[in-house]
Amino acid sequence: MNEIPWIFHRQKLGARILNQEIMLKFKFIFQLAILMLIPSMTICQNINIQVFNKTGYDLDSVSFDHFYLGKISKDSTVFISGISEITMQGDVPLYRPFGIIKEKKRPFNLTKCVTKSKKMKAGSFAFDLFIYETGNEYRLYWKKHE
């Protein structure tokens, strides 16, 4: 009769050791997963952009692609950071900029060009924002900052 409690005690001890081993492996895998994710979170936001307003106008509700820049006064600069990626066409963003200028009409030609583009995930970029005017209508466009 004395052997039965000893057997149960041995089984409990074995189960406890097994649980500790599983927990140690789980902790190791969990820590490894965290260590692998942290760099990807910091690397994914390595894009910095400067936008120089060279239109000669104050612009309101400026945006391109899914980035909203807000108001940009004439001859001023806006800095954008914390971006994970940007689609480029050559030296400039693929998508045309959009902005509102008081008392001017902007035509609805929002189609993007379908020539070769490339997604950038890191880098610092500087773009000049220019205007093409015809009568009372206008279109904003990019140039690489020089």
C-alpha atoms as a PDB file:
ATOM      1  CA  MET A   1       0.000   0.000   0.000  1.00  0.00           C
ATOM      2  CA  ASN A   2       2.901   2.338   0.532  1.00  0.00           C
ATOM      3  CA  GLU A   3       3.902   2.007  -3.129  1.00  0.00           C
ATOM      4  CA  ILE A   4       0.731   3.567  -4.559  1.00  0.00           C
ATOM      5  CA  PRO A   5       1.300   7.063  -3.148  1.00  0.00           C
ATOM      6  CA  TRP A   6       4.923   6.894  -4.250  1.00  0.00           C
ATOM      7  CA  ILE A   7       3.846   6.047  -7.835  1.00  0.00           C
ATOM      8  CA  PHE A   8       1.358   8.935  -7.905  1.00  0.00           C
ATOM      9  CA  HIS A   9       4.006  11.251  -6.487  1.00  0.00           C
ATOM     10  CA  ARG A  10       6.431  10.103  -9.196  1.00  0.00           C
ATOM     11  CA  GLN A  11       3.808  10.728 -11.928  1.00  0.00           C
ATOM     12  CA  LYS A  12       3.069  14.206 -10.581  1.00  0.00           C
ATOM     13  CA  LEU A  13       6.777  14.979 -10.454  1.00  0.00           C
ATOM     14  CA  GLY A  14       7.214  13.738 -14.034  1.00  0.00           C
ATOM     15  CA  ALA A  15       4.259  15.834 -15.231  1.00  0.00           C
ATOM     16  CA  ARG A  16       5.647  18.905 -13.452  1.00  0.00           C
ATOM     17  CA  ILE A  17       9.071  18.453 -15.079  1.00  0.00           C
ATOM     18  CA  LEU A  18       7.418  17.974 -18.485  1.00  0.00           C
ATOM     19  CA  ASN A  19       5.336  21.145 -17.997  1.00  0.00           C
ATOM     20  CA  GLN A  20       8.453  23.103 -17.032  1.00  0.00           C
ATOM     21  CA  GLU A  21      10.269  21.900 -20.157  1.00  0.00           C
ATOM     22  CA  ILE A  22       7.315  22.855 -22.357  1.00  0.00           C
ATOM     23  CA  MET A  23       7.088  26.285 -20.712  1.00  0.00           C
ATOM     24  CA  LEU A  24      10.827  26.882 -21.210  1.00  0.00           C
ATOM     25  CA  LYS A  25      10.517  25.986 -24.904  1.00  0.00           C
ATOM     26  CA  PHE A  26       7.430  28.191 -25.250  1.00  0.00           C
ATOM     27  CA  LYS A  27       9.213  31.127 -23.588  1.00  0.00           C
ATOM     28  CA  PHE A  28      12.211  30.663 -25.868  1.00  0.00           C
ATOM     29  CA  ILE A  29      10.063  30.560 -29.025  1.00  0.00           C
ATOM     30  CA  PHE A  30       8.003  33.549 -27.868  1.00  0.00           C
ATOM     31  CA  GLN A  31      11.124  35.624 -27.131  1.00  0.00           C
ATOM     32  CA  LEU A  32      12.640  34.634 -30.463  1.00  0.00           C
ATOM     33  CA  ALA A  33       9.463  35.697 -32.289  1.00  0.00           C
ATOM     34  CA  ILE A  34       9.508  39.073 -30.537  1.00  0.00           C
ATOM     35  CA  LEU A  35      13.176  39.597 -31.390  1.00  0.00           C
ATOM     36  CA  MET A  36      12.428  38.849 -35.037  1.00  0.00           C
ATOM     37  CA  LEU A  37       9.435  41.210 -35.183  1.00  0.00           C
ATOM     38  CA  ILE A  38      11.010  44.265 -33.528  1.00  0.00           C
ATOM     39  CA  PRO A  39      13.496  45.021 -36.338  1.00  0.00           C
ATOM     40  CA  SER A  40      10.794  44.652 -38.976  1.00  0.00           C
ATOM     41  CA  MET A  41       8.673  47.233 -37.176  1.00  0.00           C
ATOM     42  CA  THR A  42      11.487  49.759 -37.122  1.00  0.00           C
ATOM     43  CA  ILE A  43      12.767  49.013 -40.624  1.00  0.00           C
ATOM     44  CA  CYS A  44       9.313  49.459 -42.141  1.00  0.00           C
ATOM     45  CA  GLN A  45       9.263  53.148 -41.285  1.00  0.00           C
ATOM     46  CA  ASN A  46      12.540  54.316 -42.759  1.00  0.00           C
ATOM     47  CA  ILE A  47      11.139  56.696 -45.367  1.00  0.00           C
ATOM     48  CA  ASN A  48      11.446  60.439 -44.907  1.00  0.00           C
ATOM     49  CA  ILE A  49      10.056  62.884 -47.457  1.00  0.00           C
ATOM     50  CA  GLN A  50      10.447  66.630 -47.898  1.00  0.00           C
ATOM     51  CA  VAL A  51       7.949  68.461 -50.103  1.00  0.00           C
ATOM     52  CA  PHE A  52       8.808  71.988 -51.278  1.00  0.00           C
ATOM     53  CA  ASN A  53       5.864  74.107 -52.484  1.00  0.00           C
ATOM     54  CA  LYS A  54       7.160  75.930 -55.562  1.00  0.00           C
ATOM     55  CA  THR A  55       3.748  76.666 -57.089  1.00  0.00           C
ATOM     56  CA  GLY A  56       3.584  80.291 -55.958  1.00  0.00           C
ATOM     57  CA  TYR A  57       0.206  79.571 -54.325  1.00  0.00           C
ATOM     58  CA  ASP A  58      -1.045  78.572 -50.902  1.00  0.00           C
ATOM     59  CA  LEU A  59      -2.336  75.004 -51.231  1.00  0.00           C
ATOM     60  CA  ASP A  60      -5.083  73.431 -49.154  1.00  0.00           C
ATOM     61  CA  SER A  61      -5.890  69.734 -48.597  1.00  0.00           C
ATOM     62  CA  VAL A  62      -2.714  68.552 -50.300  1.00  0.00           C
ATOM     63  CA  SER A  63      -2.487  64.794 -50.757  1.00  0.00           C
ATOM     64  CA  PHE A  64      -1.063  62.100 -52.993  1.00  0.00           C
ATOM     65  CA  ASP A  65      -1.593  58.353 -52.969  1.00  0.00           C
ATOM     66  CA  HIS A  66      -2.856  57.772 -49.394  1.00  0.00           C
ATOM     67  CA  PHE A  67      -0.746  60.506 -47.754  1.00  0.00           C
ATOM     68  CA  TYR A  68      -2.475  63.648 -46.513  1.00  0.00           C
ATOM     69  CA  LEU A  69      -0.216  66.689 -46.147  1.00  0.00           C
ATOM     70  CA  GLY A  70      -2.836  69.328 -45.315  1.00  0.00           C
ATOM     71  CA  LYS A  71      -2.138  73.020 -45.956  1.00  0.00           C
ATOM     72  CA  ILE A  72       1.151  74.065 -47.502  1.00  0.00           C
ATOM     73  CA  SER A  73       1.890  77.776 -47.731  1.00  0.00           C
ATOM     74  CA  LYS A  74       3.649  79.062 -50.833  1.00  0.00           C
ATOM     75  CA  ASP A  75       7.435  78.743 -50.722  1.00  0.00           C
ATOM     76  CA  SER A  76       7.304  76.483 -47.648  1.00  0.00           C
ATOM     77  CA  THR A  77       8.409  72.932 -46.919  1.00  0.00           C
ATOM     78  CA  VAL A  78       6.576  69.988 -45.361  1.00  0.00           C
ATOM     79  CA  PHE A  79       8.337  67.008 -43.777  1.00  0.00           C
ATOM     80  CA  ILE A  80       6.762  63.544 -43.766  1.00  0.00           C
ATOM     81  CA  SER A  81       8.152  60.615 -41.783  1.00  0.00           C
ATOM     82  CA  GLY A  82       7.054  57.271 -40.411  1.00  0.00           C
ATOM     83  CA  ILE A  83       6.120  55.932 -43.835  1.00  0.00           C
ATOM     84  CA  SER A  84       6.474  52.225 -44.532  1.00  0.00           C
ATOM     85  CA  GLU A  85       6.639  52.434 -48.347  1.00  0.00           C
ATOM     86  CA  ILE A  86       6.143  54.726 -51.303  1.00  0.00           C
ATOM     87  CA  THR A  87       5.563  53.832 -54.945  1.00  0.00           C
ATOM     88  CA  MET A  88       7.963  55.671 -57.227  1.00  0.00           C
ATOM     89  CA  GLN A  89       8.049  56.217 -60.965  1.00  0.00           C
ATOM     90  CA  GLY A  90      11.594  57.162 -61.773  1.00  0.00           C
ATOM     91  CA  ASP A  91      12.657  59.931 -59.367  1.00  0.00           C
ATOM     92  CA  VAL A  92       9.166  61.042 -58.297  1.00  0.00           C
ATOM     93  CA  PRO A  93       6.088  59.507 -56.631  1.00  0.00           C
ATOM     94  CA  LEU A  94       3.859  57.521 -58.966  1.00  0.00           C
ATOM     95  CA  TYR A  95       0.676  59.292 -57.938  1.00  0.00           C
ATOM     96  CA  ARG A  96       0.069  62.904 -58.891  1.00  0.00           C
ATOM     97  CA  PRO A  97      -0.334  65.388 -56.088  1.00  0.00           C
ATOM     98  CA  PHE A  98      -3.719  66.935 -55.414  1.00  0.00           C
ATOM     99  CA  GLY A  99      -4.333  70.271 -53.739  1.00  0.00           C
ATOM    100  CA  ILE A 100      -6.934  73.020 -53.709  1.00  0.00           C
ATOM    101  CA  ILE A 101      -6.107  76.559 -54.793  1.00  0.00           C
ATOM    102  CA  LYS A 102      -8.697  79.252 -54.061  1.00  0.00           C
ATOM    103  CA  GLU A 103     -10.584  80.496 -57.115  1.00  0.00           C
ATOM    104  CA  LYS A 104      -8.930  78.023 -59.479  1.00  0.00           C
ATOM    105  CA  LYS A 105     -10.479  74.963 -61.076  1.00  0.00           C
ATOM    106  CA  ARG A 106      -8.655  71.662 -61.056  1.00  0.00           C
ATOM    107  CA  PRO A 107      -9.569  69.249 -63.872  1.00  0.00           C
ATOM    108  CA  PHE A 108     -10.446  65.673 -62.899  1.00  0.00           C
ATOM    109  CA  ASN A 109      -7.623  63.880 -64.637  1.00  0.00           C
ATOM    110  CA  LEU A 110      -6.650  61.549 -61.796  1.00  0.00           C
ATOM    111  CA  THR A 111      -5.500  58.555 -63.822  1.00  0.00           C
ATOM    112  CA  LYS A 112      -2.093  57.263 -62.913  1.00  0.00           C
ATOM    113  CA  CYS A 113       0.536  56.495 -65.464  1.00  0.00           C
ATOM    114  CA  VAL A 114       1.001  52.781 -66.041  1.00  0.00           C
ATOM    115  CA  THR A 115       4.698  52.829 -66.850  1.00  0.00           C
ATOM    116  CA  LYS A 116       7.137  50.910 -64.691  1.00  0.00           C
ATOM    117  CA  SER A 117       7.020  51.762 -60.999  1.00  0.00           C
ATOM    118  CA  LYS A 118       8.932  50.596 -57.952  1.00  0.00           C
ATOM    119  CA  LYS A 119       7.994  50.372 -54.270  1.00  0.00           C
ATOM    120  CA  MET A 120      10.597  51.926 -51.998  1.00  0.00           C
ATOM    121  CA  LYS A 121      10.795  50.787 -48.378  1.00  0.00           C
ATOM    122  CA  ALA A 122      13.674  52.969 -47.177  1.00  0.00           C
ATOM    123  CA  GLY A 123      15.366  56.249 -48.023  1.00  0.00           C
ATOM    124  CA  SER A 124      15.110  60.008 -47.826  1.00  0.00           C
ATOM    125  CA  PHE A 125      13.442  61.826 -50.671  1.00  0.00           C
ATOM    126  CA  ALA A 126      12.915  65.481 -51.562  1.00  0.00           C
ATOM    127  CA  PHE A 127      10.377  66.660 -54.129  1.00  0.00           C
ATOM    128  CA  ASP A 128       9.409  70.033 -55.544  1.00  0.00           C
ATOM    129  CA  LEU A 129       5.708  70.613 -56.063  1.00  0.00           C
ATOM    130  CA  PHE A 130       5.054  72.605 -59.251  1.00  0.00           C
ATOM    131  CA  ILE A 131       1.950  73.792 -61.060  1.00  0.00           C
ATOM    132  CA  TYR A 132       0.954  73.606 -64.720  1.00  0.00           C
ATOM    133  CA  GLU A 133      -1.630  76.304 -65.494  1.00  0.00           C
ATOM    134  CA  THR A 134      -3.923  76.744 -68.482  1.00  0.00           C
ATOM    135  CA  GLY A 135      -6.345  79.628 -68.070  1.00  0.00           C
ATOM    136  CA  ASN A 136      -8.176  79.155 -64.769  1.00  0.00           C
ATOM    137  CA  GLU A 137      -7.361  75.429 -64.566  1.00  0.00           C
ATOM    138  CA  TYR A 138      -4.274  73.834 -63.080  1.00  0.00           C
ATOM    139  CA  ARG A 139      -2.556  70.547 -62.429  1.00  0.00           C
ATOM    140  CA  LEU A 140       0.077  69.861 -59.780  1.00  0.00           C
ATOM    141  CA  TYR A 141       3.121  67.761 -60.585  1.00  0.00           C
ATOM    142  CA  TRP A 142       6.371  66.536 -59.011  1.00  0.00           C
ATOM    143  CA  LYS A 143      10.013  67.154 -59.766  1.00  0.00           C
ATOM    144  CA  LYS A 144      12.991  65.795 -57.901  1.00  0.00           C
ATOM    145  CA  HIS A 145      14.309  68.531 -55.598  1.00  0.00           C
ATOM    146  CA  GLU A 146      17.575  70.071 -56.732  1.00  0.00           C
END
